[in-house]
């Protein structure tokens, strides 16, 4: 089928392939943005940014903590 390129931003997204370009559904764009934010490189780039909080797994209360 050839090379495919996905382009997504918070406001727009599309798919480009040898067969042409087409808009990506908003639900697919939203999922792609979520996936990007789970990427280890993204996490490493924002590790010192106070606007971001990262956690692995679930949290639970044990005693008073």
PDB file of N, CA and C in Angstrom:
ATOM      1  N   UNK A   1       0.822  -1.191   0.000  1.00  0.00           N
ATOM      2  CA  UNK A   1       0.000   0.000   0.000  1.00  0.00           C
ATOM      3  C   UNK A   1       0.863   1.250   0.000  1.00  0.00           C
ATOM      4  N   UNK A   2       2.121   1.141   0.423  1.00  0.00           N
ATOM      5  CA  UNK A   2       3.024   2.282   0.384  1.00  0.00           C
ATOM      6  C   UNK A   2       3.160   2.966   1.731  1.00  0.00           C
ATOM      7  N   UNK A   3       3.885   4.059   1.732  1.00  0.00           N
ATOM      8  CA  UNK A   3       4.157   4.815   2.956  1.00  0.00           C
ATOM      9  C   UNK A   3       2.949   5.650   3.339  1.00  0.00           C
ATOM     10  N   UNK A   4       2.661   5.639   4.643  1.00  0.00           N
ATOM     11  CA  UNK A   4       1.554   6.438   5.169  1.00  0.00           C
ATOM     12  C   UNK A   4       2.099   7.383   6.232  1.00  0.00           C
ATOM     13  N   UNK A   5       1.605   8.588   6.242  1.00  0.00           N
ATOM     14  CA  UNK A   5       2.028   9.578   7.223  1.00  0.00           C
ATOM     15  C   UNK A   5       0.801  10.081   7.967  1.00  0.00           C
ATOM     16  N   UNK A   6       0.868  10.017   9.304  1.00  0.00           N
ATOM     17  CA  UNK A   6      -0.195  10.554  10.147  1.00  0.00           C
ATOM     18  C   UNK A   6       0.263  11.904  10.674  1.00  0.00           C
ATOM     19  N   UNK A   7      -0.573  12.907  10.537  1.00  0.00           N
ATOM     20  CA  UNK A   7      -0.279  14.245  11.035  1.00  0.00           C
ATOM     21  C   UNK A   7      -1.403  14.621  11.979  1.00  0.00           C
ATOM     22  N   UNK A   8      -1.033  14.993  13.225  1.00  0.00           N
ATOM     23  CA  UNK A   8      -2.077  15.383  14.160  1.00  0.00           C
ATOM     24  C   UNK A   8      -1.599  16.504  15.063  1.00  0.00           C
ATOM     25  N   UNK A   9      -2.519  17.414  15.341  1.00  0.00           N
ATOM     26  CA  UNK A   9      -2.304  18.522  16.260  1.00  0.00           C
ATOM     27  C   UNK A   9      -3.528  18.570  17.168  1.00  0.00           C
ATOM     28  N   UNK A  10      -3.536  19.388  18.189  1.00  0.00           N
ATOM     29  CA  UNK A  10      -4.725  19.466  19.039  1.00  0.00           C
ATOM     30  C   UNK A  10      -5.983  19.911  18.295  1.00  0.00           C
ATOM     31  N   UNK A  11      -5.830  20.575  17.147  1.00  0.00           N
ATOM     32  CA  UNK A  11      -7.010  21.085  16.446  1.00  0.00           C
ATOM     33  C   UNK A  11      -7.306  20.429  15.104  1.00  0.00           C
ATOM     34  N   UNK A  12      -6.344  19.729  14.496  1.00  0.00           N
ATOM     35  CA  UNK A  12      -6.566  19.134  13.176  1.00  0.00           C
ATOM     36  C   UNK A  12      -5.732  17.878  13.020  1.00  0.00           C
ATOM     37  N   UNK A  13      -6.154  17.011  12.090  1.00  0.00           N
ATOM     38  CA  UNK A  13      -5.386  15.804  11.814  1.00  0.00           C
ATOM     39  C   UNK A  13      -5.762  15.256  10.448  1.00  0.00           C
ATOM     40  N   UNK A  14      -4.767  14.606   9.792  1.00  0.00           N
ATOM     41  CA  UNK A  14      -5.051  13.980   8.509  1.00  0.00           C
ATOM     42  C   UNK A  14      -4.072  12.844   8.263  1.00  0.00           C
ATOM     43  N   UNK A  15      -4.399  12.026   7.295  1.00  0.00           N
ATOM     44  CA  UNK A  15      -3.607  10.879   6.887  1.00  0.00           C
ATOM     45  C   UNK A  15      -3.205  11.102   5.442  1.00  0.00           C
ATOM     46  N   UNK A  16      -1.906  10.989   5.136  1.00  0.00           N
ATOM     47  CA  UNK A  16      -1.419  11.134   3.766  1.00  0.00           C
ATOM     48  C   UNK A  16      -0.828   9.808   3.323  1.00  0.00           C
ATOM     49  N   UNK A  17      -1.243   9.336   2.166  1.00  0.00           N
ATOM     50  CA  UNK A  17      -0.742   8.077   1.614  1.00  0.00           C
ATOM     51  C   UNK A  17      -0.610   8.232   0.099  1.00  0.00           C
ATOM     52  N   UNK A  18      -0.026   7.235  -0.564  1.00  0.00           N
ATOM     53  CA  UNK A  18       0.066   7.326  -2.024  1.00  0.00           C
ATOM     54  C   UNK A  18      -1.302   7.453  -2.701  1.00  0.00           C
ATOM     55  N   UNK A  19      -2.345   7.058  -2.006  1.00  0.00           N
ATOM     56  CA  UNK A  19      -3.694   7.142  -2.581  1.00  0.00           C
ATOM     57  C   UNK A  19      -4.342   8.509  -2.333  1.00  0.00           C
ATOM     58  N   UNK A  20      -3.643   9.419  -1.627  1.00  0.00           N
ATOM     59  CA  UNK A  20      -4.172  10.748  -1.361  1.00  0.00           C
ATOM     60  C   UNK A  20      -4.238  11.048   0.121  1.00  0.00           C
ATOM     61  N   UNK A  21      -4.819  12.183   0.446  1.00  0.00           N
ATOM     62  CA  UNK A  21      -4.959  12.620   1.833  1.00  0.00           C
ATOM     63  C   UNK A  21      -6.419  12.560   2.246  1.00  0.00           C
ATOM     64  N   UNK A  22      -6.611  12.296   3.524  1.00  0.00           N
ATOM     65  CA  UNK A  22      -7.973  12.324   4.054  1.00  0.00           C
ATOM     66  C   UNK A  22      -7.933  12.748   5.511  1.00  0.00           C
ATOM     67  N   UNK A  23      -8.994  13.399   5.949  1.00  0.00           N
ATOM     68  CA  UNK A  23      -9.087  13.823   7.340  1.00  0.00           C
ATOM     69  C   UNK A  23      -9.193  12.612   8.250  1.00  0.00           C
ATOM     70  N   UNK A  24      -8.606  12.743   9.420  1.00  0.00           N
ATOM     71  CA  UNK A  24      -8.674  11.699  10.440  1.00  0.00           C
ATOM     72  C   UNK A  24      -9.845  12.031  11.362  1.00  0.00           C
ATOM     73  N   UNK A  25     -10.645  11.047  11.746  1.00  0.00           N
ATOM     74  CA  UNK A  25     -11.736  11.326  12.681  1.00  0.00           C
ATOM     75  C   UNK A  25     -11.210  11.905  13.997  1.00  0.00           C
ATOM     76  N   UNK A  26     -11.997  12.753  14.634  1.00  0.00           N
ATOM     77  CA  UNK A  26     -11.584  13.384  15.887  1.00  0.00           C
ATOM     78  C   UNK A  26     -11.247  12.348  16.953  1.00  0.00           C
ATOM     79  N   UNK A  27     -11.992  11.251  16.997  1.00  0.00           N
ATOM     80  CA  UNK A  27     -11.722  10.218  18.006  1.00  0.00           C
ATOM     81  C   UNK A  27     -10.353   9.592  17.786  1.00  0.00           C
ATOM     82  N   UNK A  28      -9.954   9.390  16.532  1.00  0.00           N
ATOM     83  CA  UNK A  28      -8.636   8.820  16.235  1.00  0.00           C
ATOM     84  C   UNK A  28      -7.543   9.826  16.579  1.00  0.00           C
ATOM     85  N   UNK A  29      -7.772  11.116  16.298  1.00  0.00           N
ATOM     86  CA  UNK A  29      -6.812  12.165  16.651  1.00  0.00           C
ATOM     87  C   UNK A  29      -6.622  12.224  18.160  1.00  0.00           C
ATOM     88  N   UNK A  30      -7.717  12.191  18.916  1.00  0.00           N
ATOM     89  CA  UNK A  30      -7.634  12.252  20.375  1.00  0.00           C
ATOM     90  C   UNK A  30      -6.844  11.065  20.924  1.00  0.00           C
ATOM     91  N   UNK A  31      -7.080   9.882  20.386  1.00  0.00           N
ATOM     92  CA  UNK A  31      -6.357   8.695  20.846  1.00  0.00           C
ATOM     93  C   UNK A  31      -4.870   8.795  20.500  1.00  0.00           C
ATOM     94  N   UNK A  32      -4.537   9.324  19.332  1.00  0.00           N
ATOM     95  CA  UNK A  32      -3.139   9.498  18.943  1.00  0.00           C
ATOM     96  C   UNK A  32      -2.435  10.479  19.874  1.00  0.00           C
ATOM     97  N   UNK A  33      -3.109  11.554  20.252  1.00  0.00           N
ATOM     98  CA  UNK A  33      -2.519  12.522  21.180  1.00  0.00           C
ATOM     99  C   UNK A  33      -2.294  11.894  22.561  1.00  0.00           C
ATOM    100  N   UNK A  34      -3.231  11.069  23.016  1.00  0.00           N
ATOM    101  CA  UNK A  34      -3.058  10.374  24.299  1.00  0.00           C
ATOM    102  C   UNK A  34      -1.869   9.426  24.234  1.00  0.00           C
ATOM    103  N   UNK A  35      -1.765   8.690  23.121  1.00  0.00           N
ATOM    104  CA  UNK A  35      -0.652   7.757  22.956  1.00  0.00           C
ATOM    105  C   UNK A  35       0.686   8.486  22.965  1.00  0.00           C
ATOM    106  N   UNK A  36       0.740   9.629  22.314  1.00  0.00           N
ATOM    107  CA  UNK A  36       1.978  10.396  22.254  1.00  0.00           C
ATOM    108  C   UNK A  36       2.434  10.797  23.657  1.00  0.00           C
ATOM    109  N   UNK A  37       1.483  11.149  24.515  1.00  0.00           N
ATOM    110  CA  UNK A  37       1.836  11.593  25.863  1.00  0.00           C
ATOM    111  C   UNK A  37       2.271  10.442  26.761  1.00  0.00           C
ATOM    112  N   UNK A  38       2.074   9.201  26.316  1.00  0.00           N
ATOM    113  CA  UNK A  38       2.543   8.036  27.070  1.00  0.00           C
ATOM    114  C   UNK A  38       3.917   7.574  26.592  1.00  0.00           C
ATOM    115  N   UNK A  39       4.421   8.182  25.550  1.00  0.00           N
ATOM    116  CA  UNK A  39       5.705   7.797  24.974  1.00  0.00           C
ATOM    117  C   UNK A  39       6.832   8.140  25.951  1.00  0.00           C
ATOM    118  N   UNK A  40       7.755   7.201  26.193  1.00  0.00           N
ATOM    119  CA  UNK A  40       8.850   7.474  27.137  1.00  0.00           C
ATOM    120  C   UNK A  40       9.663   8.719  26.787  1.00  0.00           C
ATOM    121  N   UNK A  41       9.853   9.011  25.521  1.00  0.00           N
ATOM    122  CA  UNK A  41      10.598  10.206  25.135  1.00  0.00           C
ATOM    123  C   UNK A  41       9.858  11.473  25.555  1.00  0.00           C
ATOM    124  N   UNK A  42       8.541  11.508  25.361  1.00  0.00           N
ATOM    125  CA  UNK A  42       7.734  12.661  25.778  1.00  0.00           C
ATOM    126  C   UNK A  42       7.845  12.848  27.290  1.00  0.00           C
ATOM    127  N   UNK A  43       7.736  11.747  28.033  1.00  0.00           N
ATOM    128  CA  UNK A  43       7.824  11.812  29.493  1.00  0.00           C
ATOM    129  C   UNK A  43       9.186  12.356  29.911  1.00  0.00           C
ATOM    130  N   UNK A  44      10.254  11.853  29.291  1.00  0.00           N
ATOM    131  CA  UNK A  44      11.604  12.317  29.633  1.00  0.00           C
ATOM    132  C   UNK A  44      11.778  13.802  29.320  1.00  0.00           C
ATOM    133  N   UNK A  45      11.223  14.253  28.216  1.00  0.00           N
ATOM    134  CA  UNK A  45      11.346  15.664  27.839  1.00  0.00           C
ATOM    135  C   UNK A  45      10.629  16.586  28.818  1.00  0.00           C
ATOM    136  N   UNK A  46       9.602  16.088  29.504  1.00  0.00           N
ATOM    137  CA  UNK A  46       8.810  16.919  30.406  1.00  0.00           C
ATOM    138  C   UNK A  46       8.987  16.544  31.878  1.00  0.00           C
ATOM    139  N   UNK A  47       9.992  15.760  32.185  1.00  0.00           N
ATOM    140  CA  UNK A  47      10.191  15.271  33.552  1.00  0.00           C
ATOM    141  C   UNK A  47      10.377  16.409  34.561  1.00  0.00           C
ATOM    142  N   UNK A  48      11.020  17.505  34.163  1.00  0.00           N
ATOM    143  CA  UNK A  48      11.272  18.623  35.076  1.00  0.00           C
ATOM    144  C   UNK A  48      10.249  19.748  34.941  1.00  0.00           C
ATOM    145  N   UNK A  49       9.238  19.555  34.114  1.00  0.00           N
ATOM    146  CA  UNK A  49       8.226  20.586  33.891  1.00  0.00           C
ATOM    147  C   UNK A  49       7.163  20.483  34.988  1.00  0.00           C
ATOM    148  N   UNK A  50       6.995  21.523  35.804  1.00  0.00           N
ATOM    149  CA  UNK A  50       6.018  21.456  36.895  1.00  0.00           C
ATOM    150  C   UNK A  50       4.565  21.384  36.420  1.00  0.00           C
ATOM    151  N   UNK A  51       4.306  21.655  35.136  1.00  0.00           N
ATOM    152  CA  UNK A  51       2.946  21.565  34.603  1.00  0.00           C
ATOM    153  C   UNK A  51       2.514  20.117  34.379  1.00  0.00           C
ATOM    154  N   UNK A  52       3.467  19.182  34.420  1.00  0.00           N
ATOM    155  CA  UNK A  52       3.173  17.782  34.154  1.00  0.00           C
ATOM    156  C   UNK A  52       3.357  16.946  35.414  1.00  0.00           C
ATOM    157  N   UNK A  53       2.503  15.959  35.571  1.00  0.00           N
ATOM    158  CA  UNK A  53       2.621  14.982  36.655  1.00  0.00           C
ATOM    159  C   UNK A  53       2.523  13.598  36.023  1.00  0.00           C
ATOM    160  N   UNK A  54       3.447  12.712  36.371  1.00  0.00           N
ATOM    161  CA  UNK A  54       3.473  11.380  35.793  1.00  0.00           C
ATOM    162  C   UNK A  54       3.398  10.351  36.904  1.00  0.00           C
ATOM    163  N   UNK A  55       2.711   9.263  36.628  1.00  0.00           N
ATOM    164  CA  UNK A  55       2.670   8.163  37.581  1.00  0.00           C
ATOM    165  C   UNK A  55       2.559   6.859  36.806  1.00  0.00           C
ATOM    166  N   UNK A  56       3.046   5.810  37.432  1.00  0.00           N
ATOM    167  CA  UNK A  56       2.958   4.482  36.819  1.00  0.00           C
ATOM    168  C   UNK A  56       2.066   3.616  37.690  1.00  0.00           C
ATOM    169  N   UNK A  57       1.127   2.975  37.092  1.00  0.00           N
ATOM    170  CA  UNK A  57       0.243   2.099  37.852  1.00  0.00           C
ATOM    171  C   UNK A  57      -0.853   2.880  38.554  1.00  0.00           C
ATOM    172  N   UNK A  58      -1.458   2.228  39.517  1.00  0.00           N
ATOM    173  CA  UNK A  58      -2.549   2.839  40.274  1.00  0.00           C
ATOM    174  C   UNK A  58      -2.050   3.309  41.619  1.00  0.00           C
ATOM    175  N   UNK A  59      -2.795   4.182  42.238  1.00  0.00           N
ATOM    176  CA  UNK A  59      -2.430   4.632  43.580  1.00  0.00           C
ATOM    177  C   UNK A  59      -3.425   4.076  44.562  1.00  0.00           C
ATOM    178  N   UNK A  60      -2.953   3.865  45.764  1.00  0.00           N
ATOM    179  CA  UNK A  60      -3.857   3.389  46.815  1.00  0.00           C
ATOM    180  C   UNK A  60      -3.386   3.947  48.162  1.00  0.00           C
ATOM    181  N   UNK A  61      -4.312   4.096  49.064  1.00  0.00           N
ATOM    182  CA  UNK A  61      -4.002   4.608  50.392  1.00  0.00           C
ATOM    183  C   UNK A  61      -3.675   3.438  51.309  1.00  0.00           C
ATOM    184  N   UNK A  62      -2.551   3.590  51.995  1.00  0.00           N
ATOM    185  CA  UNK A  62      -2.128   2.583  52.982  1.00  0.00           C
ATOM    186  C   UNK A  62      -1.933   3.322  54.305  1.00  0.00           C
ATOM    187  N   UNK A  63      -2.781   3.057  55.237  1.00  0.00           N
ATOM    188  CA  UNK A  63      -2.720   3.780  56.512  1.00  0.00           C
ATOM    189  C   UNK A  63      -3.060   5.250  56.257  1.00  0.00           C
ATOM    190  N   UNK A  64      -2.186   6.136  56.686  1.00  0.00           N
ATOM    191  CA  UNK A  64      -2.385   7.560  56.491  1.00  0.00           C
ATOM    192  C   UNK A  64      -1.680   8.080  55.255  1.00  0.00           C
ATOM    193  N   UNK A  65      -1.029   7.228  54.522  1.00  0.00           N
ATOM    194  CA  UNK A  65      -0.261   7.650  53.346  1.00  0.00           C
ATOM    195  C   UNK A  65      -0.998   7.285  52.086  1.00  0.00           C
TER     196      UNK A  65
END
